[in-house]
Structure formats: C-alpha cells, structure tokens
Amino acid sequence: GKLSRIVQFRLDPKIAARVEPDDVLQEAWLAALKRIPQFLEDDSMPMLVWLRLIVGQTIVDLHRHHLGAR
C-alpha cells in the first residue's frame, strides 16, 4: 500500500499514461532482490525505508528513460 501510493504520487503523469504503478513496483522488487545481500550486511536502515529508496531510484530511472536524461 505505502509503496504503491509513493509510485502514484511521484510518477510523472506523462509516464503514468504509459506505465502502470504495479509495473514500477515489479521493477523495484527485482532491483531489491538483486541488492538484498547489501541490505543484510548493513542493517542500519529499516526495510521499509530501504524499499522506499529503491522505489524512488526506480522512478528516477523510468523518468530518465522515458523523458530523457537531464
């Protein structure tokens, strides 16, 4: 729920017309899965905060891809 609301709030409307929030979350989950060893090594950050960070980075990557890197 919380992560989905973050995606809906932060996703540019131009991109939201082409990309579903669930697809953004799926990309973020895949990125998190690849980075789970680093998270487990340094547990100073709560998991929800860590996941929010990855979701935010995924949104930035989508913006760069769809709107061009600036």
N, C-alpha and C. Protein backbone atom coordinates (compact mmCIF):
# COMPACT_ATOMS: atom_id res chain seq x y z
N GLY A 1 0.79 -1.19 0.00
CA GLY A 1 0.00 0.00 0.00
C GLY A 1 0.83 1.26 0.00
N LYS A 2 1.75 1.38 0.95
CA LYS A 2 2.55 2.60 1.05
C LYS A 2 3.41 2.81 -0.19
N LEU A 3 4.04 1.74 -0.63
CA LEU A 3 4.92 1.86 -1.80
C LEU A 3 4.12 2.19 -3.05
N SER A 4 2.95 1.63 -3.17
CA SER A 4 2.09 1.92 -4.32
C SER A 4 1.68 3.39 -4.33
N ARG A 5 1.37 3.93 -3.16
CA ARG A 5 0.99 5.35 -3.08
C ARG A 5 2.17 6.24 -3.44
N ILE A 6 3.38 5.84 -3.05
CA ILE A 6 4.58 6.60 -3.41
C ILE A 6 4.72 6.66 -4.92
N VAL A 7 4.53 5.52 -5.57
CA VAL A 7 4.65 5.47 -7.03
C VAL A 7 3.59 6.37 -7.67
N GLN A 8 2.36 6.26 -7.23
CA GLN A 8 1.28 7.06 -7.82
C GLN A 8 1.52 8.55 -7.62
N PHE A 9 2.08 8.94 -6.49
CA PHE A 9 2.33 10.35 -6.20
C PHE A 9 3.51 10.90 -6.99
N ARG A 10 4.58 10.11 -7.11
CA ARG A 10 5.83 10.62 -7.69
C ARG A 10 5.99 10.38 -9.18
N LEU A 11 5.19 9.51 -9.75
CA LEU A 11 5.34 9.19 -11.17
C LEU A 11 4.80 10.34 -12.02
N ASP A 12 5.61 10.79 -12.95
CA ASP A 12 5.20 11.87 -13.85
C ASP A 12 3.95 11.45 -14.62
N PRO A 13 2.96 12.35 -14.76
CA PRO A 13 1.72 12.00 -15.48
C PRO A 13 1.95 11.49 -16.91
N LYS A 14 2.98 12.01 -17.57
CA LYS A 14 3.28 11.55 -18.93
C LYS A 14 3.68 10.08 -18.93
N ILE A 15 4.41 9.68 -17.90
CA ILE A 15 4.84 8.29 -17.81
C ILE A 15 3.71 7.42 -17.28
N ALA A 16 2.94 7.96 -16.35
CA ALA A 16 1.83 7.20 -15.78
C ALA A 16 0.81 6.79 -16.83
N ALA A 17 0.73 7.55 -17.92
CA ALA A 17 -0.18 7.20 -19.01
C ALA A 17 0.31 5.96 -19.76
N ARG A 18 1.62 5.67 -19.66
CA ARG A 18 2.20 4.54 -20.40
C ARG A 18 2.59 3.37 -19.52
N VAL A 19 2.84 3.64 -18.23
CA VAL A 19 3.37 2.62 -17.33
C VAL A 19 2.44 2.49 -16.12
N GLU A 20 2.09 1.27 -15.80
CA GLU A 20 1.25 1.00 -14.63
C GLU A 20 2.09 1.06 -13.35
N PRO A 21 1.53 1.57 -12.26
CA PRO A 21 2.26 1.58 -11.00
C PRO A 21 2.73 0.19 -10.56
N ASP A 22 1.93 -0.82 -10.85
CA ASP A 22 2.35 -2.19 -10.50
C ASP A 22 3.61 -2.61 -11.25
N ASP A 23 3.77 -2.12 -12.48
CA ASP A 23 4.98 -2.43 -13.24
C ASP A 23 6.20 -1.76 -12.61
N VAL A 24 6.00 -0.54 -12.11
CA VAL A 24 7.09 0.17 -11.43
C VAL A 24 7.50 -0.60 -10.18
N LEU A 25 6.50 -1.04 -9.41
CA LEU A 25 6.79 -1.81 -8.21
C LEU A 25 7.48 -3.13 -8.53
N GLN A 26 7.08 -3.76 -9.62
CA GLN A 26 7.73 -5.01 -10.01
C GLN A 26 9.20 -4.76 -10.33
N GLU A 27 9.50 -3.68 -11.05
CA GLU A 27 10.89 -3.33 -11.34
C GLU A 27 11.66 -3.08 -10.03
N ALA A 28 11.01 -2.40 -9.10
CA ALA A 28 11.66 -2.10 -7.83
C ALA A 28 11.92 -3.38 -7.03
N TRP A 29 10.97 -4.31 -7.04
CA TRP A 29 11.16 -5.58 -6.33
C TRP A 29 12.34 -6.35 -6.93
N LEU A 30 12.46 -6.33 -8.25
CA LEU A 30 13.58 -7.02 -8.89
C LEU A 30 14.91 -6.37 -8.50
N ALA A 31 14.92 -5.05 -8.46
CA ALA A 31 16.14 -4.34 -8.05
C ALA A 31 16.47 -4.66 -6.59
N ALA A 32 15.44 -4.71 -5.74
CA ALA A 32 15.66 -5.03 -4.33
C ALA A 32 16.20 -6.44 -4.16
N LEU A 33 15.68 -7.35 -4.93
CA LEU A 33 16.14 -8.74 -4.86
C LEU A 33 17.62 -8.84 -5.17
N LYS A 34 18.08 -8.07 -6.16
CA LYS A 34 19.50 -8.09 -6.51
C LYS A 34 20.36 -7.47 -5.41
N ARG A 35 19.77 -6.53 -4.63
CA ARG A 35 20.54 -5.81 -3.63
C ARG A 35 20.36 -6.33 -2.20
N ILE A 36 19.60 -7.38 -2.04
CA ILE A 36 19.32 -7.88 -0.70
C ILE A 36 20.59 -8.26 0.08
N PRO A 37 21.63 -8.79 -0.56
CA PRO A 37 22.85 -9.10 0.22
C PRO A 37 23.44 -7.85 0.89
N GLN A 38 23.45 -6.71 0.18
CA GLN A 38 23.97 -5.48 0.78
C GLN A 38 23.10 -5.03 1.95
N PHE A 39 21.78 -5.18 1.80
CA PHE A 39 20.88 -4.79 2.88
C PHE A 39 21.13 -5.65 4.12
N LEU A 40 21.33 -6.94 3.92
CA LEU A 40 21.55 -7.84 5.05
C LEU A 40 22.88 -7.59 5.74
N GLU A 41 23.88 -7.14 4.99
CA GLU A 41 25.18 -6.83 5.58
C GLU A 41 25.12 -5.59 6.46
N ASP A 42 24.36 -4.58 6.02
CA ASP A 42 24.28 -3.32 6.75
C ASP A 42 22.82 -3.08 7.12
N ASP A 43 22.43 -3.56 8.28
CA ASP A 43 21.03 -3.47 8.68
C ASP A 43 20.72 -2.20 9.46
N SER A 44 21.46 -1.13 9.21
CA SER A 44 21.23 0.12 9.93
C SER A 44 19.96 0.83 9.46
N MET A 45 19.45 0.47 8.30
CA MET A 45 18.27 1.11 7.74
C MET A 45 17.08 0.15 7.83
N PRO A 46 15.93 0.64 8.32
CA PRO A 46 14.74 -0.22 8.33
C PRO A 46 14.36 -0.64 6.91
N MET A 47 13.78 -1.84 6.79
CA MET A 47 13.48 -2.38 5.47
C MET A 47 12.54 -1.48 4.67
N LEU A 48 11.52 -0.91 5.30
CA LEU A 48 10.59 -0.05 4.57
C LEU A 48 11.30 1.17 3.99
N VAL A 49 12.19 1.76 4.75
CA VAL A 49 12.96 2.91 4.27
C VAL A 49 13.83 2.49 3.09
N TRP A 50 14.46 1.34 3.21
CA TRP A 50 15.31 0.82 2.14
C TRP A 50 14.49 0.57 0.87
N LEU A 51 13.31 -0.02 1.03
CA LEU A 51 12.45 -0.27 -0.13
C LEU A 51 11.95 1.03 -0.75
N ARG A 52 11.64 2.03 0.10
CA ARG A 52 11.23 3.34 -0.44
C ARG A 52 12.35 3.95 -1.27
N LEU A 53 13.58 3.80 -0.80
CA LEU A 53 14.74 4.31 -1.54
C LEU A 53 14.84 3.63 -2.90
N ILE A 54 14.68 2.34 -2.95
CA ILE A 54 14.76 1.60 -4.21
C ILE A 54 13.61 1.98 -5.14
N VAL A 55 12.42 2.14 -4.59
CA VAL A 55 11.27 2.57 -5.41
C VAL A 55 11.56 3.95 -5.99
N GLY A 56 12.08 4.84 -5.18
CA GLY A 56 12.42 6.18 -5.67
C GLY A 56 13.46 6.15 -6.78
N GLN A 57 14.48 5.31 -6.60
CA GLN A 57 15.50 5.18 -7.64
C GLN A 57 14.92 4.58 -8.92
N THR A 58 14.00 3.66 -8.78
CA THR A 58 13.34 3.06 -9.95
C THR A 58 12.53 4.12 -10.70
N ILE A 59 11.85 4.97 -9.97
CA ILE A 59 11.07 6.04 -10.60
C ILE A 59 11.99 7.01 -11.33
N VAL A 60 13.10 7.37 -10.71
CA VAL A 60 14.07 8.25 -11.37
C VAL A 60 14.58 7.61 -12.65
N ASP A 61 14.90 6.33 -12.60
CA ASP A 61 15.37 5.62 -13.80
C ASP A 61 14.32 5.64 -14.90
N LEU A 62 13.06 5.43 -14.54
CA LEU A 62 11.98 5.48 -15.54
C LEU A 62 11.84 6.87 -16.13
N HIS A 63 11.93 7.89 -15.31
CA HIS A 63 11.85 9.26 -15.81
C HIS A 63 12.98 9.52 -16.80
N ARG A 64 14.18 9.10 -16.44
CA ARG A 64 15.32 9.30 -17.34
C ARG A 64 15.11 8.57 -18.66
N HIS A 65 14.60 7.35 -18.58
CA HIS A 65 14.40 6.55 -19.78
C HIS A 65 13.32 7.14 -20.68
N HIS A 66 12.20 7.53 -20.09
CA HIS A 66 11.05 7.97 -20.89
C HIS A 66 11.10 9.46 -21.24
N LEU A 67 11.71 10.28 -20.38
CA LEU A 67 11.72 11.71 -20.63
C LEU A 67 13.08 12.22 -21.08
N GLY A 68 14.07 11.36 -21.06
CA GLY A 68 15.42 11.77 -21.45
C GLY A 68 16.21 12.21 -20.24
N ALA A 69 17.47 11.82 -20.18
CA ALA A 69 18.33 12.18 -19.06
C ALA A 69 18.68 13.66 -19.13
N ARG A 70 18.50 14.33 -18.00
CA ARG A 70 18.83 15.75 -17.92
C ARG A 70 19.70 16.00 -16.72
